[in-house]
Amino acid sequence: MHPSSEPRRVRRIAAFAIAGVAGALAMTAVATPAAAVPSNGGCAAVSIITARASTEAAGEGITGALVTQVVNASAQTVSRASVSYPATLNNYANSSLQGINALKTQLTNLVNSCPNTKVVLMGYSQGAHVVLDVLGGGQGGSLGTATAPISTSIGSHVVAVATFGDPRHVPNQPFNLGTSTRNGRFPRSSTQLNVLNSTYSGKIAAWCDRNDTFCDSGFSTNVHLTYLDRYQNAAANFVLGKVGG
């Protein structure tokens, strides 16, 4: 899944009552580029928060490669942080709910502390589920009690969202990218989609490809694990365009 030369390492897990492959070695140690926030702290012009995929170690996970590309290419100061949540496939509904609640708190605290920062959200797989559920309202159905979307007074500070392999994918949304034509495993409700479309549509790029076992209810875990191989440059360009370079 990494676009770098490091060997890919994937472990087998039981996923949604089927045998599958998920997760990869998390990228937790990256060099601090010149554009990063100075060590003396303060508010960055751009703040990126990333929600990792299921089974990845704590941190940004494989999406960290995309974050690094954006940080290196931006002319602005950029901070980076990750959502602290279980990211497990066992008790998925509880794990994703913890992620939703954690990101709501993290995003609210960031906006209150740095009201002028331009917020970017990134999420892969379960992390994509978490990110878009925070903005549009989440859960419901087999995932349990529905959660409300974050207040627009906070959400309005989000300028760009990039997600990959979202299990809550629904086709034919204006923010969808990729080749998928089918629902994911936990498709969003019309109410949740209406919030995303009316409030955030122009800020979201959500990649899901045909036959992805989670976002397209298909049969290929390889498709699910390799979005950055196909779309990392496009995602970086999308984010940089939204934050103003």
Protein backbone atom coordinates (compact mmCIF):
# COMPACT_ATOMS: atom_id res chain seq x y z
CA MET A 1 0.00 0.00 0.00
CA HIS A 2 2.92 2.33 0.53
CA PRO A 3 4.06 4.22 -2.57
CA SER A 4 7.61 4.03 -1.16
CA SER A 5 10.13 1.25 -1.67
CA GLU A 6 9.54 -0.25 1.74
CA PRO A 7 8.15 -3.76 1.49
CA ARG A 8 4.45 -4.08 2.07
CA ARG A 9 3.43 -6.08 5.11
CA VAL A 10 -0.16 -7.16 5.50
CA ARG A 11 -1.59 -9.50 8.08
CA ARG A 12 -4.60 -11.70 7.86
CA ILE A 13 -7.64 -11.03 10.03
CA ALA A 14 -11.27 -12.04 10.33
CA ALA A 15 -13.30 -9.22 8.87
CA PHE A 16 -17.07 -8.85 8.94
CA ALA A 17 -17.49 -12.62 9.35
CA ILE A 18 -15.34 -13.43 6.30
CA ALA A 19 -11.63 -14.12 6.00
CA GLY A 20 -9.88 -11.10 4.55
CA VAL A 21 -6.82 -8.97 4.55
CA ALA A 22 -6.68 -5.56 6.16
CA GLY A 23 -4.19 -3.09 7.44
CA ALA A 24 -0.55 -2.48 6.70
CA LEU A 25 2.49 -1.33 8.57
CA ALA A 26 1.66 2.11 9.93
CA MET A 27 3.92 4.98 9.02
CA THR A 28 4.58 6.54 12.38
CA ALA A 29 8.05 7.99 11.96
CA VAL A 30 8.52 10.67 9.31
CA ALA A 31 11.04 13.44 8.97
CA THR A 32 9.83 16.91 9.82
CA PRO A 33 9.91 18.92 6.59
CA ALA A 34 10.81 22.59 6.36
CA ALA A 35 7.16 23.62 5.98
CA ALA A 36 6.08 21.93 9.19
CA VAL A 37 5.01 23.86 12.27
CA PRO A 38 7.98 25.21 14.26
CA SER A 39 8.89 23.28 17.38
CA ASN A 40 7.96 26.25 19.55
CA GLY A 41 4.31 25.53 18.79
CA GLY A 42 1.58 27.94 17.75
CA CYS A 43 -1.19 27.53 15.22
CA ALA A 44 -0.39 26.30 11.75
CA ALA A 45 -1.97 27.77 8.65
CA VAL A 46 -3.14 24.25 7.76
CA SER A 47 -3.97 21.44 10.19
CA ILE A 48 -4.29 17.85 8.94
CA ILE A 49 -6.05 15.20 11.04
CA THR A 50 -5.91 11.60 9.82
CA ALA A 51 -8.01 8.59 10.85
CA ARG A 52 -6.19 5.32 10.16
CA ALA A 53 -7.53 2.11 8.67
CA SER A 54 -8.68 -0.94 10.61
CA THR A 55 -5.91 -2.92 12.37
CA GLU A 56 -3.20 -0.33 11.73
CA ALA A 57 -0.99 0.69 14.61
CA ALA A 58 -1.75 3.98 16.33
CA GLY A 59 -0.88 7.02 14.24
CA GLU A 60 -1.62 8.05 10.68
CA GLY A 61 -1.19 4.60 9.17
CA ILE A 62 -0.48 4.29 5.45
CA THR A 63 -2.21 7.62 4.82
CA GLY A 64 0.84 9.23 6.44
CA ALA A 65 2.57 9.05 3.05
CA LEU A 66 -0.11 11.34 1.63
CA VAL A 67 0.16 13.69 4.60
CA THR A 68 3.92 13.93 4.11
CA GLN A 69 3.47 14.71 0.41
CA VAL A 70 1.08 17.55 1.22
CA VAL A 71 3.34 18.94 3.96
CA ASN A 72 6.38 18.86 1.68
CA ALA A 73 4.55 20.50 -1.22
CA SER A 74 2.74 23.22 0.72
CA ALA A 75 4.19 26.71 1.04
CA GLN A 76 2.32 27.13 4.32
CA THR A 77 2.92 25.87 7.84
CA VAL A 78 1.18 22.51 8.25
CA SER A 79 0.50 20.56 11.43
CA ARG A 80 -0.36 16.87 11.44
CA ALA A 81 -2.23 14.77 13.98
CA SER A 82 -4.09 11.46 14.10
CA VAL A 83 -7.32 10.26 15.66
CA SER A 84 -6.85 8.09 18.76
CA TYR A 85 -9.34 5.23 18.49
CA PRO A 86 -9.24 1.40 18.48
CA ALA A 87 -9.52 0.89 14.69
CA THR A 88 -10.44 -2.75 15.31
CA LEU A 89 -12.60 -5.04 13.22
CA ASN A 90 -13.71 -6.94 16.30
CA ASN A 91 -16.71 -5.00 17.59
CA TYR A 92 -16.48 -2.70 14.58
CA ALA A 93 -19.54 -0.66 15.54
CA ASN A 94 -18.05 0.23 18.92
CA SER A 95 -14.64 0.96 17.44
CA SER A 96 -16.02 3.30 14.79
CA LEU A 97 -18.23 5.03 17.36
CA GLN A 98 -15.19 5.68 19.54
CA GLY A 99 -13.48 7.14 16.50
CA ILE A 100 -16.42 9.42 15.74
CA ASN A 101 -16.52 10.73 19.29
CA ALA A 102 -12.75 11.15 19.47
CA LEU A 103 -12.56 13.09 16.21
CA LYS A 104 -15.46 15.33 17.20
CA THR A 105 -13.61 16.29 20.38
CA GLN A 106 -10.27 16.65 18.59
CA LEU A 107 -11.72 18.80 15.83
CA THR A 108 -13.65 21.00 18.27
CA ASN A 109 -10.56 21.56 20.42
CA LEU A 110 -8.46 22.40 17.36
CA VAL A 111 -10.94 24.95 16.04
CA ASN A 112 -11.36 26.56 19.45
CA SER A 113 -7.59 26.80 19.89
CA CYS A 114 -6.74 27.80 16.32
CA PRO A 115 -9.84 29.36 14.76
CA ASN A 116 -7.99 30.55 11.66
CA THR A 117 -6.38 27.23 10.72
CA LYS A 118 -7.60 25.51 7.58
CA VAL A 119 -8.55 21.98 8.59
CA VAL A 120 -7.95 18.94 6.36
CA LEU A 121 -9.41 15.55 7.25
CA MET A 122 -8.12 12.28 5.80
CA GLY A 123 -9.40 8.77 6.40
CA TYR A 124 -8.77 5.28 5.07
CA SER A 125 -11.28 2.40 5.37
CA GLN A 126 -12.72 2.56 8.90
CA GLY A 127 -10.99 5.92 9.17
CA ALA A 128 -12.96 7.13 6.15
CA HIS A 129 -16.13 5.91 7.88
CA VAL A 130 -15.19 7.94 10.97
CA VAL A 131 -14.32 11.14 9.12
CA LEU A 132 -17.46 11.31 7.01
CA ASP A 133 -19.71 10.24 9.89
CA VAL A 134 -18.41 13.16 11.95
CA LEU A 135 -19.38 15.59 9.22
CA GLY A 136 -22.62 14.05 7.99
CA GLY A 137 -23.90 12.24 11.04
CA GLY A 138 -23.14 8.61 11.59
CA GLN A 139 -23.91 5.06 12.57
CA GLY A 140 -27.54 3.86 12.56
CA GLY A 141 -28.92 0.53 11.40
CA SER A 142 -26.65 -2.40 12.25
CA LEU A 143 -24.05 0.08 13.53
CA GLY A 144 -26.27 1.13 16.43
CA THR A 145 -27.80 4.42 17.49
CA ALA A 146 -27.34 7.20 14.97
CA THR A 147 -25.03 10.07 15.88
CA ALA A 148 -25.55 13.73 15.03
CA PRO A 149 -23.21 15.57 12.67
CA ILE A 150 -20.72 17.94 14.21
CA SER A 151 -21.91 21.52 14.58
CA THR A 152 -21.46 23.55 11.41
CA SER A 153 -19.75 26.21 13.53
CA ILE A 154 -16.93 23.67 13.85
CA GLY A 155 -17.33 21.78 10.60
CA SER A 156 -17.19 24.98 8.55
CA HIS A 157 -13.46 25.19 9.34
CA VAL A 158 -12.86 22.00 7.33
CA VAL A 159 -11.67 22.98 3.86
CA ALA A 160 -10.72 19.58 2.41
CA VAL A 161 -11.56 15.91 3.04
CA ALA A 162 -9.86 12.97 1.32
CA THR A 163 -11.10 9.42 2.00
CA PHE A 164 -10.34 5.98 0.61
CA GLY A 165 -12.35 2.74 0.73
CA ASP A 166 -15.17 4.01 2.95
CA PRO A 167 -17.38 1.06 4.05
CA ARG A 168 -20.33 3.49 4.17
CA HIS A 169 -19.98 4.41 0.50
CA VAL A 170 -23.13 5.04 -1.54
CA PRO A 171 -22.76 5.44 -5.32
CA ASN A 172 -23.78 8.46 -7.39
CA GLN A 173 -22.81 11.12 -4.86
CA PRO A 174 -21.23 14.31 -6.26
CA PHE A 175 -18.12 13.89 -4.12
CA ASN A 176 -17.45 10.26 -5.20
CA LEU A 177 -14.36 9.39 -7.20
CA GLY A 178 -13.18 6.02 -8.48
CA THR A 179 -15.02 3.28 -10.33
CA SER A 180 -17.46 1.90 -7.75
CA THR A 181 -21.13 1.48 -8.68
CA ARG A 182 -22.35 -0.38 -5.58
CA ASN A 183 -23.05 0.31 -1.93
CA GLY A 184 -20.46 -0.42 0.71
CA ARG A 185 -21.13 -2.73 3.65
CA PHE A 186 -22.83 -0.05 5.77
CA PRO A 187 -24.35 2.46 3.32
CA ARG A 188 -25.20 5.90 4.70
CA SER A 189 -28.79 6.98 5.14
CA SER A 190 -30.35 9.58 2.87
CA THR A 191 -30.39 12.00 5.80
CA GLN A 192 -26.65 11.60 6.34
CA LEU A 193 -25.94 11.96 2.62
CA ASN A 194 -28.07 15.11 2.47
CA VAL A 195 -25.92 16.72 5.16
CA LEU A 196 -22.70 15.81 3.36
CA ASN A 197 -24.00 17.00 0.01
CA SER A 198 -25.54 20.24 1.22
CA THR A 199 -22.73 21.30 3.54
CA TYR A 200 -19.47 19.66 2.46
CA SER A 201 -19.82 18.27 -1.05
CA GLY A 202 -17.37 20.63 -2.71
CA LYS A 203 -14.78 19.89 -0.04
CA ILE A 204 -14.83 16.07 -0.23
CA ALA A 205 -12.97 13.68 -2.51
CA ALA A 206 -13.99 10.09 -1.69
CA TRP A 207 -12.28 7.31 -3.62
CA CYS A 208 -13.90 3.87 -3.94
CA ASP A 209 -13.14 1.42 -6.74
CA ARG A 210 -15.05 -1.44 -8.27
CA ASN A 211 -14.81 -4.80 -6.46
CA ASP A 212 -13.40 -3.32 -3.23
CA THR A 213 -14.50 -5.80 -0.59
CA PHE A 214 -15.59 -3.10 1.86
CA CYS A 215 -16.66 0.07 0.03
CA ASP A 216 -18.10 -1.68 -3.04
CA SER A 217 -19.26 -4.95 -1.40
CA GLY A 218 -16.96 -6.78 -3.78
CA PHE A 219 -14.40 -9.54 -3.44
CA SER A 220 -10.98 -7.88 -3.70
CA THR A 221 -9.03 -6.94 -0.60
CA ASN A 222 -6.17 -5.93 -2.89
CA VAL A 223 -8.29 -3.17 -4.40
CA HIS A 224 -9.12 -1.99 -0.89
CA LEU A 225 -5.49 -1.91 0.19
CA THR A 226 -3.95 -0.06 -2.76
CA TYR A 227 -5.73 3.29 -3.15
CA LEU A 228 -2.59 5.31 -2.52
CA ASP A 229 -0.83 3.39 -5.29
CA ARG A 230 -3.45 4.74 -7.67
CA TYR A 231 -4.61 8.06 -6.25
CA GLN A 232 -2.03 9.57 -3.90
CA ASN A 233 -0.93 12.29 -6.33
CA ALA A 234 -4.52 13.15 -7.21
CA ALA A 235 -5.44 13.35 -3.53
CA ALA A 236 -2.44 15.56 -2.73
CA ASN A 237 -3.31 17.91 -5.58
CA PHE A 238 -6.93 18.06 -4.41
CA VAL A 239 -5.93 18.98 -0.87
CA LEU A 240 -3.31 21.51 -1.96
CA GLY A 241 -5.86 23.16 -4.22
CA LYS A 242 -8.34 23.49 -1.36
CA VAL A 243 -5.84 24.91 1.14
CA GLY A 244 -4.31 27.33 -1.35
CA GLY A 245 -0.98 25.63 -1.97
